Protein backbone atom coordinates (compact mmCIF):
# COMPACT_ATOMS: atom_id res chain seq x y z
CA MET A 1 -6.35 16.23 18.15
CA ASP A 2 -7.43 17.48 14.83
CA PHE A 3 -9.47 15.18 12.76
CA LYS A 4 -8.41 14.66 9.02
CA PRO A 5 -10.37 12.92 6.52
CA SER A 6 -7.23 11.37 4.96
CA ASN A 7 -6.70 9.48 8.42
CA LEU A 8 -10.08 7.97 8.15
CA TYR A 9 -9.76 7.04 4.57
CA ILE A 10 -6.43 5.27 5.26
CA SER A 11 -7.93 3.15 8.08
CA LEU A 12 -10.91 2.30 5.90
CA VAL A 13 -8.62 1.22 3.07
CA ASP A 14 -6.60 -1.04 5.47
CA LEU A 15 -9.92 -2.32 6.79
CA PHE A 16 -11.13 -3.48 3.42
CA ALA A 17 -7.84 -4.93 2.65
CA ILE A 18 -8.33 -7.15 5.44
CA LEU A 19 -12.25 -7.62 5.21
CA LEU A 20 -12.57 -8.43 1.55
CA PRO A 21 -10.18 -11.33 1.24
CA GLY A 22 -11.56 -12.65 4.74
CA ALA A 23 -15.17 -12.50 3.42
CA ILE A 24 -14.08 -14.50 0.36
CA ALA A 25 -12.52 -17.15 2.70
CA ALA A 26 -15.63 -17.10 5.10
CA LEU A 27 -17.94 -17.83 1.97
CA VAL A 28 -15.77 -20.68 0.75
CA ILE A 29 -15.72 -22.12 4.20
CA TYR A 30 -19.40 -21.86 4.63
CA HIS A 31 -19.93 -23.63 1.16
CA PHE A 32 -18.01 -26.61 2.37
CA ASN A 33 -19.43 -26.65 5.96
CA GLN A 34 -22.97 -25.48 5.60
CA SER A 35 -24.57 -27.92 7.96
CA ALA A 36 -22.11 -27.39 10.86
CA ILE A 37 -22.35 -23.68 10.56
CA ASN A 38 -26.16 -23.49 10.32
CA GLY A 39 -26.23 -25.60 13.37
CA PHE A 40 -23.99 -23.20 15.16
CA LEU A 41 -26.05 -20.18 13.93
CA ASP A 42 -29.14 -21.84 15.44
CA VAL A 43 -27.89 -20.91 18.77
CA GLY A 44 -29.05 -17.33 18.13
CA LYS A 45 -32.32 -18.34 16.77
CA ASP A 46 -34.11 -15.67 18.57
CA ASN A 47 -32.34 -13.01 16.49
CA LYS A 48 -30.63 -15.24 13.76
CA ALA A 49 -30.10 -12.56 11.13
CA PHE A 50 -28.17 -10.39 13.48
CA PHE A 51 -26.13 -13.19 14.93
CA SER A 52 -25.47 -14.55 11.47
CA GLY A 53 -24.21 -11.02 10.43
CA PHE A 54 -22.01 -10.74 13.34
CA VAL A 55 -20.47 -14.22 12.79
CA LEU A 56 -19.87 -13.32 9.14
CA LEU A 57 -18.18 -9.82 10.06
CA PHE A 58 -16.00 -11.42 12.95
CA GLY A 59 -15.10 -14.26 10.91
CA SER A 60 -14.20 -12.25 8.01
CA TYR A 61 -12.04 -9.97 10.04
CA LEU A 62 -10.28 -12.96 11.72
CA LEU A 63 -9.78 -14.90 8.54
CA GLY A 64 -8.66 -11.62 6.95
CA HIS A 65 -5.87 -11.33 9.42
CA ILE A 66 -4.81 -14.86 8.98
CA ILE A 67 -4.71 -14.60 5.18
CA SER A 68 -2.78 -11.31 5.45
CA GLN A 69 -0.22 -12.90 7.70
CA ILE A 70 0.33 -15.90 5.36
CA SER A 71 0.22 -13.87 2.25
CA ALA A 72 2.92 -11.48 3.77
CA TYR A 73 5.51 -14.10 3.03
CA LEU A 74 5.11 -13.45 -0.72
CA ASP A 75 6.77 -10.08 -0.10
CA ASP A 76 10.18 -11.76 1.00
CA TRP A 77 9.71 -14.85 -1.04
CA VAL A 78 8.31 -13.68 -4.39
CA TYR A 79 8.27 -9.86 -4.68
CA ASP A 80 11.63 -8.89 -3.32
CA PRO A 81 13.81 -11.51 -5.37
CA LEU A 82 11.78 -10.86 -8.75
CA LYS A 83 11.23 -7.03 -8.68
CA ASP A 84 14.42 -6.07 -9.98
CA LYS A 85 13.97 -8.47 -12.71
CA VAL A 86 10.39 -7.51 -13.41
CA PHE A 87 10.92 -3.72 -13.19
CA LYS A 88 14.12 -2.34 -14.83
CA ASP A 89 13.55 1.33 -14.06
CA HIS A 90 15.17 2.42 -10.65
CA LYS A 91 15.58 6.10 -11.31
CA CYS A 92 12.97 7.24 -8.81
CA VAL A 93 14.49 5.22 -5.78
CA LYS A 94 17.92 6.33 -6.66
CA LYS A 95 16.90 9.87 -6.66
CA VAL A 96 14.92 9.61 -3.36
CA MET A 97 18.17 8.13 -1.84
CA GLU A 98 20.09 10.96 -3.17
CA ILE A 99 17.75 13.48 -1.67
CA ARG A 100 17.63 11.62 1.63
CA ALA A 101 21.44 11.78 2.02
CA ASN A 102 21.95 15.25 0.83
CA ARG A 103 19.28 17.06 2.46
CA TYR A 104 18.73 14.98 5.83
CA GLY A 105 22.06 13.31 6.20
CA ASN A 106 22.32 9.70 7.38
CA GLU A 107 20.94 9.70 10.77
CA MET A 108 18.48 7.09 9.84
CA THR A 109 20.25 4.38 7.89
CA PRO A 110 18.43 1.83 5.63
CA VAL A 111 19.08 -0.64 8.62
CA TYR A 112 16.32 1.11 10.48
CA VAL A 113 13.98 2.30 7.74
CA ASN A 114 14.24 1.84 4.07
CA SER A 115 13.67 4.41 1.29
CA TYR A 116 9.94 3.43 0.69
CA LYS A 117 9.11 3.53 4.55
CA TRP A 118 10.92 6.84 4.93
CA SER A 119 9.08 8.29 2.00
CA VAL A 120 5.67 7.23 3.38
CA PHE A 121 6.55 8.64 6.83
CA LYS A 122 7.58 11.82 5.48
CA LEU A 123 4.35 12.12 3.49
CA GLN A 124 2.18 11.22 6.45
CA LYS A 125 3.89 13.92 8.24
CA GLU A 126 3.86 16.67 5.73
CA TYR A 127 1.46 15.71 2.90
CA PRO A 128 -1.22 13.46 4.32
CA ASP A 129 -3.39 13.56 1.23
CA ALA A 130 -0.44 12.25 -0.86
CA ALA A 131 0.12 9.43 1.80
CA ALA A 132 -3.39 8.42 1.34
CA GLU A 133 -2.93 7.86 -2.36
CA VAL A 134 0.02 5.81 -1.57
CA GLU A 135 -1.81 3.75 1.04
CA ARG A 136 -4.63 3.18 -1.42
CA TYR A 137 -2.25 1.45 -3.75
CA MET A 138 -0.57 -0.42 -1.07
CA ALA A 139 -3.97 -1.56 0.25
CA ASP A 140 -4.96 -2.79 -3.40
CA SER A 141 -1.84 -4.74 -3.53
CA LYS A 142 -2.46 -6.45 -0.11
CA PHE A 143 -5.93 -7.30 -1.41
CA PHE A 144 -4.74 -9.04 -4.50
CA ARG A 145 -1.97 -10.64 -2.37
CA GLY A 146 -4.45 -12.21 -0.10
CA LEU A 147 -6.73 -13.17 -3.08
CA PHE A 148 -3.78 -15.07 -4.69
CA VAL A 149 -3.36 -17.33 -1.50
CA ILE A 150 -7.17 -17.91 -1.41
CA MET A 151 -7.36 -18.99 -5.08
CA VAL A 152 -4.21 -21.28 -4.90
CA ILE A 153 -5.76 -23.07 -1.76
CA LEU A 154 -9.18 -23.15 -3.34
CA GLY A 155 -7.78 -24.57 -6.63
CA PHE A 156 -5.96 -27.53 -4.90
CA VAL A 157 -9.18 -28.20 -2.80
CA PHE A 158 -11.16 -28.30 -5.81
CA LEU A 159 -8.61 -30.30 -7.62
CA PHE A 160 -9.23 -33.23 -5.14
CA GLN A 161 -12.98 -33.04 -5.38
CA SER A 162 -14.13 -35.66 -7.91
CA VAL A 163 -17.45 -33.77 -8.42
CA ILE A 164 -15.88 -30.47 -9.43
CA LYS A 165 -15.24 -29.78 -12.93
CA ALA A 166 -11.91 -29.05 -14.46
CA LYS A 167 -12.91 -25.59 -15.73
CA ILE A 168 -13.61 -24.46 -12.14
CA VAL A 169 -10.04 -25.60 -11.06
CA LEU A 170 -8.67 -23.82 -14.04
CA ALA A 171 -10.64 -20.63 -13.26
CA CYS A 172 -9.09 -20.63 -9.71
CA PHE A 173 -5.58 -20.90 -10.95
CA LEU A 174 -6.12 -18.23 -13.81
CA LEU A 175 -7.57 -15.92 -10.99
CA ALA A 176 -4.46 -16.75 -8.77
CA ALA A 177 -2.33 -15.65 -11.69
CA PHE A 178 -4.22 -12.63 -12.38
CA SER A 179 -4.07 -11.75 -8.65
CA MET A 180 -0.33 -12.31 -8.79
CA VAL A 181 0.19 -9.70 -11.64
CA ARG A 182 -2.14 -7.22 -10.01
CA TYR A 183 -0.21 -7.65 -6.75
CA PHE A 184 3.15 -6.90 -8.50
CA LYS A 185 1.86 -3.98 -10.26
CA LYS A 186 -0.07 -2.33 -7.43
CA ARG A 187 2.73 -2.78 -5.14
CA ARG A 188 5.22 -1.17 -7.64
CA LYS A 189 2.52 1.76 -8.28
CA SER A 190 2.51 2.25 -4.45
CA THR A 191 6.41 2.50 -4.15
CA GLU A 192 6.74 4.74 -7.32
CA THR A 193 3.95 7.02 -6.29
CA ALA A 194 5.57 7.58 -3.07
CA TYR A 195 9.02 8.40 -4.59
CA GLN A 196 7.53 10.56 -7.19
CA TYR A 197 5.76 12.62 -4.54
CA ILE A 198 9.00 13.01 -2.60
CA ILE A 199 10.90 14.04 -5.62
CA PHE A 200 8.31 16.39 -6.73
CA THR A 201 7.82 18.17 -3.22
CA GLU A 202 11.57 18.38 -2.52
CA GLU A 203 12.23 20.05 -6.05
CA LEU A 204 9.34 22.42 -5.39
CA ASN A 205 10.69 23.30 -1.82
CA SER A 206 14.26 23.92 -3.26
CA LYS A 207 12.86 26.23 -5.91
CA LYS A 208 11.18 28.26 -3.23
CA GLU A 209 14.10 28.54 -1.09
CA ASP A 210 16.30 29.52 -4.17
CA LYS A 211 13.79 32.13 -5.35
CA PRO A 212 14.75 35.00 -3.00
CA LYS A 213 18.39 34.65 -3.72
CA GLU A 214 17.65 34.62 -7.48
CA THR A 215 15.48 37.70 -7.02
CA LEU A 216 18.30 39.67 -5.26
CA LEU A 217 20.84 38.64 -7.91
CA ALA A 218 18.67 39.87 -10.60
CA LEU A 219 18.05 43.15 -8.93
CA VAL A 220 21.83 43.62 -8.29
CA SER A 221 22.69 42.91 -11.95
CA MET A 222 19.99 45.21 -13.38
CA ASP A 223 20.90 48.11 -11.16
CA LYS A 224 24.39 47.41 -10.06
CA ASN A 225 25.54 51.01 -10.79
CA LYS A 226 22.91 52.41 -8.27
CA ILE A 227 23.14 49.72 -5.47
CA ASP A 228 25.93 49.54 -3.38
CA ILE A 229 25.64 46.09 -1.60
CA THR A 230 29.11 46.79 0.35
CA ALA A 231 27.90 50.06 2.02
CA SER A 232 27.25 49.85 5.68
CA PRO A 233 23.61 50.77 6.76
CA LYS A 234 23.59 54.24 8.53
């Protein structure tokens, strides 16, 4: 199998989309449970640094998946119902649907795969570098989606801590609001970039297909008195 740098890049982007929110959650949990966690880490006292690093990495990865699963509900509960109200321009998705119907028929209906997934699958197969850019925007949106969940939970936890100042609680909710805005914008950027690549590449390919025909017609029109296009070859 051929190695493609874009494949590694996409996997790294997905990894960081899981690890970064998980690492933030792990550090928050450690802040509230230092004594218990330090007691657990003493099990590996012969090589505590390595054991602590392994626990942090494993905990970040596990918590990242839990946060990703919880935050995924925001797609159905928040983004999908509000995207048409927040973003008014739908020219790109309509054009992609038109290209899909005209050039490829209706073998794969939206019931099985929607326009965005179809665009990503096509880019991954034919233009992996373009797919890597789309995946980067999507990974950014997943990071901010997870960060929103963390900040909301942390805000309510701090809200009921009498020793925590109101400024910290306010900062958590402001970061949550910022994360939601960035989540919307990055997810929109991901879908629009995928559609724009499909439109551009399809238009480019159609012009390449039409070019020989246009060249032949130009030659015939320029020298139609000398070329007999109806004559049979000898």
